[in-house]
Amino acid sequence: MKRFVCAMCAMTLLLFGAMPTALAAAAPSPSAQTAESEDSAPAPSTEDLPTLPIPEPDPVPLYPAEVKQSEENGWRASEGAGILKQEDWFANTEPADSNEVTRIEKIYYLSAQDDPSNIPTEDFEREGKVYTLLDVLKQAQIESDTQDYVEVLTLDSDTQDMEKILAMLEPELEVQTEDGYHGVLSLDHTTITVEAAGYKTSSRTVSATRTYPNLSDADVSLIPKSITDSGRTLTLADVQWQEAATTQTDGYDMALRYTANATYTGTATSKYATGYVVTANYVGEVTRISTDVITYTAVFSSTDPAPAEETTETPTETPQPTQESSSFTFDWKWLLIPLGLGALGCAGYFGQKGYKHYINKKRGYE
């Protein structure tokens, strides 16, 4: 019986010791669950991913080129005046009050590509005063640049007659250059030139006649086979014979002398212009007006601060912690430890009693 009780106690202790291990083994691991969910979840498709917008860089802050400070008797912009030009400032302002007003003007010189919305317009503090934006004034800086200019005009003509060419040319020419210059130029007649645009050649047949008198015989060998006429070489083409003198022999007239009329021919080549190119210069002055620089003036105003009112601070009582706030919550799980120990003690005690009862009954004491 004693061995039985000891075995029961050992089994009870073993059971309580193995329960936390069994519960820990039965509970799934968070990392295992995460890994399993990741393995079972389908891979996200890149096509479904949203297209994120490309972040734009922050605008570059603008800094004033000049800062002016002045004190006035309180003027403010009229209602609905909007952004004013400097020359319209006094026409669109009205008295504000009798307090002395301090104004600060921040002047910015911007190009046409700069964004005026980047001009700081927030309130700021200086020397104990808070300055508030009144208006932003805009004024374009107009600049004019004049320089001499020559425009070369070229046109085609089918004649080189100067009177006809002058009728083709306008006395004045309005020009606009790529860099923004504009003006009206006048024709310079001394610069007009006419040149041939191209040449072609043509050929024709020319002829010349020569007379050779007092020849002894009507023989072609007595006549030159070629001649030179006006720088061109001509060749013999035809001969006409005439009797120059005759004599009577046996009742017949016998020719004693002959005259030859020879015709020579050849080819003449000439070159002629296919057209003409007329070139003329127009001279004068051109002017460019630009507004590359725009002046923005941010006008800030601050009045003298009003005297601060004295306020009496009322002491406040700090609430004392109550008894309920000092109490704490008891964790009832701690009672499981003495209950378990008491159960083990009861099991051992009643086991020993049972074992003694069994031994006494076996020996005959009971």
Protein backbone atom coordinates (compact mmCIF):
# COMPACT_ATOMS: atom_id res chain seq x y z
CA MET A 1 0.00 0.00 0.00
CA LYS A 2 2.85 2.35 0.76
CA ARG A 3 4.35 1.79 -2.68
CA PHE A 4 0.99 2.45 -4.25
CA VAL A 5 0.61 5.78 -2.45
CA CYS A 6 4.14 6.85 -3.42
CA ALA A 7 3.47 5.93 -7.03
CA MET A 8 0.24 7.98 -7.00
CA CYS A 9 2.08 11.02 -5.59
CA ALA A 10 4.81 10.73 -8.19
CA MET A 11 2.27 10.47 -11.00
CA THR A 12 0.41 13.55 -9.69
CA LEU A 13 3.63 15.57 -9.60
CA LEU A 14 4.59 14.36 -13.03
CA LEU A 15 1.15 15.29 -14.39
CA PHE A 16 1.33 18.87 -13.04
CA GLY A 17 4.86 19.27 -14.36
CA ALA A 18 4.00 18.01 -17.85
CA MET A 19 0.88 20.16 -18.32
CA PRO A 20 2.72 23.46 -19.16
CA THR A 21 4.99 21.64 -21.59
CA ALA A 22 2.02 19.96 -23.28
CA LEU A 23 0.10 23.24 -23.54
CA ALA A 24 3.13 25.06 -24.96
CA ALA A 25 3.66 22.29 -27.53
CA ALA A 26 -0.03 22.28 -28.51
CA ALA A 27 -0.16 26.07 -29.03
CA PRO A 28 0.98 27.01 -32.53
CA SER A 29 4.00 29.27 -32.81
CA PRO A 30 3.29 32.80 -34.07
CA SER A 31 6.31 32.62 -36.37
CA ALA A 32 5.11 29.27 -37.73
CA GLN A 33 1.64 30.69 -38.34
CA THR A 34 3.16 33.70 -40.08
CA ALA A 35 5.37 31.48 -42.24
CA GLU A 36 2.45 29.22 -43.09
CA SER A 37 0.23 32.16 -44.01
CA GLU A 38 2.99 33.62 -46.16
CA ASP A 39 3.46 30.28 -47.95
CA SER A 40 -0.25 29.79 -48.53
CA ALA A 41 -0.96 33.38 -49.60
CA PRO A 42 -0.62 33.97 -53.36
CA ALA A 43 2.23 36.14 -54.57
CA PRO A 44 1.07 39.70 -55.23
CA SER A 45 0.87 40.65 -58.88
CA THR A 46 2.99 43.58 -59.98
CA GLU A 47 0.24 44.62 -62.37
CA ASP A 48 -2.15 45.36 -59.47
CA LEU A 49 0.33 47.57 -57.64
CA PRO A 50 -0.68 51.26 -57.73
CA THR A 51 1.55 53.70 -59.55
CA LEU A 52 3.01 56.06 -57.01
CA PRO A 53 3.30 59.70 -58.10
CA ILE A 54 6.78 61.11 -58.47
CA PRO A 55 7.31 63.64 -55.69
CA GLU A 56 7.95 67.15 -56.90
CA PRO A 57 10.92 69.00 -55.47
CA ASP A 58 10.24 71.76 -53.02
CA PRO A 59 10.25 75.24 -54.57
CA VAL A 60 13.44 77.22 -54.16
CA PRO A 61 12.90 79.98 -51.57
CA LEU A 62 13.19 83.53 -52.79
CA TYR A 63 15.15 86.17 -50.90
CA PRO A 64 14.61 89.92 -51.20
CA ALA A 65 17.20 92.03 -52.99
CA GLU A 66 16.29 95.10 -50.89
CA VAL A 67 14.49 95.68 -47.59
CA LYS A 68 13.10 99.10 -46.69
CA GLN A 69 11.55 100.15 -43.37
CA SER A 70 9.44 103.24 -42.79
CA GLU A 71 7.01 104.65 -40.21
CA GLU A 72 3.72 106.22 -41.24
CA ASN A 73 0.44 107.35 -39.72
CA GLY A 74 -1.50 104.25 -40.63
CA TRP A 75 -2.60 103.65 -44.23
CA ARG A 76 -4.14 100.48 -45.54
CA ALA A 77 -5.25 99.16 -48.93
CA SER A 78 -8.85 99.77 -49.93
CA GLU A 79 -11.18 96.80 -49.99
CA GLY A 80 -11.08 94.96 -53.33
CA ALA A 81 -7.91 96.69 -54.49
CA GLY A 82 -6.12 93.34 -55.10
CA ILE A 83 -2.50 93.36 -56.24
CA LEU A 84 -1.54 97.00 -56.80
CA LYS A 85 1.12 98.62 -58.90
CA GLN A 86 3.40 101.10 -57.19
CA GLU A 87 1.93 104.07 -59.04
CA ASP A 88 -1.61 103.00 -57.92
CA TRP A 89 -0.75 102.52 -54.24
CA PHE A 90 -1.80 105.91 -52.87
CA ALA A 91 -4.92 105.96 -55.08
CA ASN A 92 -6.14 102.68 -53.59
CA THR A 93 -5.32 103.22 -49.91
CA GLU A 94 -7.20 104.84 -47.08
CA PRO A 95 -6.41 105.89 -43.47
CA ALA A 96 -6.51 103.01 -41.01
CA ASP A 97 -6.26 104.62 -37.57
CA SER A 98 -4.26 107.15 -35.65
CA ASN A 99 -1.69 104.63 -34.35
CA GLU A 100 1.80 104.82 -35.73
CA VAL A 101 2.38 102.15 -38.36
CA THR A 102 5.72 100.59 -39.19
CA ARG A 103 6.04 99.30 -42.72
CA ILE A 104 8.65 96.95 -44.17
CA GLU A 105 8.97 96.57 -47.92
CA LYS A 106 10.77 93.51 -49.26
CA ILE A 107 11.75 94.01 -52.91
CA TYR A 108 12.28 91.04 -55.24
CA TYR A 109 13.67 91.18 -58.80
CA LEU A 110 12.32 88.17 -60.69
CA SER A 111 12.59 87.01 -64.27
CA ALA A 112 9.66 86.01 -66.44
CA GLN A 113 10.42 82.34 -65.67
CA ASP A 114 10.29 82.77 -61.87
CA ASP A 115 7.10 82.00 -59.97
CA PRO A 116 5.98 84.95 -57.81
CA SER A 117 3.91 82.61 -55.62
CA ASN A 118 7.19 81.52 -53.98
CA ILE A 119 7.58 84.97 -52.39
CA PRO A 120 7.21 84.53 -48.59
CA THR A 121 4.00 86.16 -47.37
CA GLU A 122 3.75 84.71 -43.84
CA ASP A 123 3.70 86.88 -40.73
CA PHE A 124 7.06 87.42 -39.05
CA GLU A 125 8.35 89.09 -35.91
CA ARG A 126 11.10 91.68 -35.74
CA GLU A 127 12.15 93.85 -32.77
CA GLY A 128 9.13 92.76 -30.76
CA LYS A 129 6.59 93.58 -33.49
CA VAL A 130 4.59 91.16 -35.62
CA TYR A 131 4.38 92.17 -39.27
CA THR A 132 1.45 91.15 -41.49
CA LEU A 133 1.32 91.24 -45.28
CA LEU A 134 -0.69 94.12 -46.73
CA ASP A 135 -0.14 93.73 -50.46
CA VAL A 136 2.24 92.57 -53.18
CA LEU A 137 3.09 95.27 -55.73
CA LYS A 138 4.17 94.39 -59.28
CA GLN A 139 6.09 96.59 -61.71
CA ALA A 140 7.65 95.48 -65.01
CA GLN A 141 11.09 96.87 -65.79
CA ILE A 142 10.90 97.95 -69.47
CA GLU A 143 14.28 98.09 -71.22
CA SER A 144 14.96 99.32 -74.78
CA ASP A 145 18.00 98.43 -76.90
CA THR A 146 18.69 99.95 -80.34
CA GLN A 147 21.41 98.90 -82.77
CA ASP A 148 22.34 99.22 -86.47
CA TYR A 149 21.21 96.41 -88.69
CA VAL A 150 21.69 95.34 -92.32
CA GLU A 151 19.30 92.96 -94.05
CA VAL A 152 20.53 91.41 -97.32
CA LEU A 153 17.67 90.73 -99.75
CA THR A 154 18.12 88.31 -102.64
CA LEU A 155 15.59 87.74 -105.42
CA ASP A 156 15.48 86.22 -108.92
CA SER A 157 15.01 88.20 -112.12
CA ASP A 158 14.71 87.33 -115.82
CA THR A 159 16.34 90.56 -116.88
CA GLN A 160 19.34 92.67 -116.01
CA ASP A 161 17.68 95.94 -116.91
CA MET A 162 18.22 98.18 -113.88
CA GLU A 163 14.96 100.12 -114.35
CA LYS A 164 12.94 96.93 -114.20
CA ILE A 165 14.95 95.71 -111.22
CA LEU A 166 14.33 98.94 -109.26
CA ALA A 167 10.62 98.50 -109.87
CA MET A 168 10.84 95.06 -108.24
CA LEU A 169 12.51 96.33 -105.04
CA GLU A 170 10.45 97.98 -102.27
CA PRO A 171 11.87 101.25 -100.90
CA GLU A 172 11.38 100.07 -97.28
CA LEU A 173 11.49 96.67 -95.58
CA GLU A 174 10.06 95.75 -92.15
CA VAL A 175 12.16 93.16 -90.30
CA GLN A 176 11.79 91.04 -87.15
CA THR A 177 14.94 89.28 -85.96
CA GLU A 178 15.17 85.98 -84.10
CA ASP A 179 16.44 87.68 -80.94
CA GLY A 180 13.47 90.06 -80.73
CA TYR A 181 14.66 93.18 -82.58
CA HIS A 182 12.18 95.03 -84.81
CA GLY A 183 12.47 97.94 -87.21
CA VAL A 184 11.91 99.41 -90.69
CA LEU A 185 14.94 99.51 -93.03
CA SER A 186 15.56 101.56 -96.19
CA LEU A 187 16.95 100.37 -99.53
CA ASP A 188 20.56 101.29 -100.24
CA HIS A 189 20.65 101.75 -104.05
CA THR A 190 24.45 101.68 -104.17
CA THR A 191 24.52 98.05 -103.03
CA ILE A 192 22.35 96.61 -105.84
CA THR A 193 24.18 93.91 -107.80
CA VAL A 194 22.99 91.69 -110.67
CA GLU A 195 24.65 88.38 -111.48
CA ALA A 196 23.80 85.59 -113.87
CA ALA A 197 22.15 82.65 -112.19
CA GLY A 198 23.48 80.20 -114.83
CA TYR A 199 24.49 79.79 -118.45
CA LYS A 200 23.56 77.63 -121.44
CA THR A 201 25.21 77.24 -124.90
CA SER A 202 23.60 77.31 -128.37
CA SER A 203 24.96 76.43 -131.86
CA ARG A 204 24.04 77.84 -135.31
CA THR A 205 25.35 77.60 -138.89
CA VAL A 206 27.14 80.64 -140.32
CA SER A 207 28.32 81.25 -143.91
CA ALA A 208 30.59 83.63 -145.81
CA THR A 209 31.15 84.29 -149.54
CA ARG A 210 34.49 84.92 -151.26
CA THR A 211 35.12 85.93 -154.90
CA TYR A 212 38.31 84.87 -156.67
CA PRO A 213 38.67 86.64 -160.11
CA ASN A 214 41.09 86.22 -163.02
CA LEU A 215 41.67 82.53 -162.59
CA SER A 216 43.39 80.70 -165.41
CA ASP A 217 41.18 77.69 -165.18
CA ALA A 218 37.92 76.62 -163.54
CA ASP A 219 39.77 74.40 -161.14
CA VAL A 220 38.73 74.04 -157.49
CA SER A 221 42.33 73.52 -156.50
CA LEU A 222 42.92 77.19 -157.26
CA ILE A 223 40.46 78.16 -154.47
CA PRO A 224 41.32 78.05 -150.71
CA LYS A 225 39.59 75.18 -148.90
CA SER A 226 38.98 77.18 -145.64
CA ILE A 227 38.91 80.74 -144.46
CA THR A 228 38.72 82.58 -141.11
CA ASP A 229 35.75 84.88 -140.59
CA SER A 230 35.05 86.78 -137.31
CA GLY A 231 37.34 84.46 -135.45
CA ARG A 232 35.59 81.34 -136.73
CA THR A 233 37.04 78.88 -139.24
CA LEU A 234 34.80 78.16 -142.23
CA THR A 235 35.22 75.44 -144.83
CA LEU A 236 34.49 75.53 -148.57
CA ALA A 237 30.97 74.40 -149.32
CA ASP A 238 30.22 75.53 -152.93
CA VAL A 239 31.85 77.28 -155.94
CA GLN A 240 30.15 79.15 -158.80
CA TRP A 241 32.28 79.83 -161.93
CA GLN A 242 31.96 82.71 -164.36
CA GLU A 243 33.91 83.38 -167.62
CA ALA A 244 35.81 86.57 -167.29
CA ALA A 245 37.39 86.79 -170.86
CA THR A 246 36.85 84.85 -174.13
CA THR A 247 38.50 84.56 -177.56
CA GLN A 248 37.29 83.38 -181.04
CA THR A 249 38.74 80.12 -182.16
CA ASP A 250 37.26 78.44 -185.29
CA GLY A 251 34.10 80.37 -184.76
CA TYR A 252 33.74 79.45 -181.11
CA ASP A 253 34.24 81.57 -178.02
CA MET A 254 37.00 80.13 -175.88
CA ALA A 255 37.27 81.22 -172.21
CA LEU A 256 40.59 82.67 -171.28
CA ARG A 257 39.92 83.78 -167.63
CA TYR A 258 37.49 82.67 -164.89
CA THR A 259 35.93 84.18 -161.79
CA ALA A 260 35.04 81.88 -158.84
CA ASN A 261 32.29 82.73 -156.30
CA ALA A 262 33.03 80.44 -153.31
CA THR A 263 30.69 79.86 -150.36
CA TYR A 264 32.15 78.86 -147.01
CA THR A 265 30.12 77.49 -144.01
CA GLY A 266 30.79 76.71 -140.35
CA THR A 267 29.25 76.37 -136.83
CA ALA A 268 29.05 79.23 -134.34
CA THR A 269 28.60 78.50 -130.55
CA SER A 270 27.26 81.14 -128.13
CA LYS A 271 26.60 81.23 -124.33
CA TYR A 272 23.61 82.99 -122.77
CA ALA A 273 22.32 83.55 -119.20
CA THR A 274 19.37 81.49 -118.02
CA GLY A 275 18.40 84.08 -115.37
CA TYR A 276 19.74 86.68 -112.97
CA VAL A 277 20.13 87.03 -109.21
CA VAL A 278 19.59 90.48 -107.72
CA THR A 279 21.14 91.34 -104.34
CA ALA A 280 20.36 94.52 -102.38
CA ASN A 281 21.02 95.74 -98.85
CA TYR A 282 18.44 97.36 -96.58
CA VAL A 283 20.00 99.38 -93.76
CA GLY A 284 18.67 101.08 -90.67
CA GLU A 285 18.13 100.70 -86.92
CA VAL A 286 16.23 97.99 -85.05
CA THR A 287 14.95 98.14 -81.46
CA ARG A 288 14.18 95.49 -78.89
CA ILE A 289 11.86 96.21 -75.94
CA SER A 290 12.09 93.63 -73.18
CA THR A 291 10.54 93.08 -69.76
CA ASP A 292 12.91 90.38 -68.57
CA VAL A 293 12.97 91.75 -65.01
CA ILE A 294 9.79 92.21 -62.95
CA THR A 295 9.91 93.94 -59.58
CA TYR A 296 7.70 92.56 -56.81
CA THR A 297 7.39 94.49 -53.55
CA ALA A 298 5.89 92.69 -50.55
CA VAL A 299 4.52 95.32 -48.15
CA PHE A 300 4.24 94.30 -44.48
CA SER A 301 2.73 96.46 -41.73
CA SER A 302 2.81 96.41 -37.94
CA THR A 303 1.12 98.76 -35.46
CA ASP A 304 2.29 99.49 -31.92
CA PRO A 305 1.12 96.67 -29.63
CA ALA A 306 -1.66 97.53 -27.16
CA PRO A 307 -0.79 97.42 -23.43
CA ALA A 308 -1.40 93.99 -21.99
CA GLU A 309 -4.15 93.68 -19.35
CA GLU A 310 -3.14 92.48 -15.90
CA THR A 311 -4.77 89.22 -14.97
CA THR A 312 -4.94 87.71 -11.49
CA GLU A 313 -4.16 84.07 -11.40
CA THR A 314 -6.49 82.02 -9.17
CA PRO A 315 -4.73 79.19 -7.37
CA THR A 316 -6.22 75.84 -8.15
CA GLU A 317 -6.44 73.01 -5.68
CA THR A 318 -4.69 69.84 -6.58
CA PRO A 319 -7.06 66.88 -6.10
CA GLN A 320 -5.87 64.43 -3.48
CA PRO A 321 -5.76 60.81 -4.45
CA THR A 322 -8.68 58.83 -2.97
CA GLN A 323 -8.54 55.46 -1.37
CA GLU A 324 -9.98 53.85 -4.48
CA SER A 325 -7.12 55.17 -6.60
CA SER A 326 -4.52 53.67 -4.21
CA SER A 327 -6.05 50.20 -4.38
CA PHE A 328 -4.64 47.60 -6.64
CA THR A 329 -6.14 44.66 -8.54
CA PHE A 330 -5.39 41.18 -7.18
CA ASP A 331 -4.49 38.45 -9.68
CA TRP A 332 -6.50 35.35 -8.68
CA LYS A 333 -4.18 33.02 -10.57
CA TRP A 334 -1.78 33.11 -7.65
CA LEU A 335 -4.32 31.07 -5.61
CA LEU A 336 -3.71 28.07 -7.86
CA ILE A 337 -0.29 27.46 -6.27
CA PRO A 338 -1.48 26.92 -2.63
CA LEU A 339 -4.51 25.00 -3.87
CA GLY A 340 -2.27 22.63 -5.77
CA LEU A 341 0.01 22.19 -2.80
CA GLY A 342 -2.99 21.56 -0.54
CA ALA A 343 -4.34 18.95 -2.96
CA LEU A 344 -1.00 17.17 -2.94
CA GLY A 345 -0.88 17.25 0.89
CA CYS A 346 -4.41 15.85 1.19
CA ALA A 347 -3.61 13.07 -1.24
CA GLY A 348 -0.53 12.09 0.80
CA TYR A 349 -2.35 12.29 4.10
CA PHE A 350 -5.34 10.17 3.13
CA GLY A 351 -3.06 7.75 1.35
CA GLN A 352 -1.07 7.19 4.52
CA LYS A 353 -4.26 6.69 6.53
CA GLY A 354 -5.52 4.16 4.07
CA TYR A 355 -2.25 2.32 4.09
CA LYS A 356 -2.21 2.08 7.93
CA HIS A 357 -5.80 0.86 7.92
CA TYR A 358 -4.89 -1.84 5.46
CA ILE A 359 -1.86 -2.97 7.55
CA ASN A 360 -3.82 -3.06 10.84
CA LYS A 361 -6.64 -5.02 9.21
CA LYS A 362 -4.19 -7.49 7.78
CA ARG A 363 -2.52 -8.05 11.22
CA GLY A 364 -5.87 -8.42 12.92
CA TYR A 365 -5.81 -5.26 14.93
CA GLU A 366 -9.03 -4.05 13.50
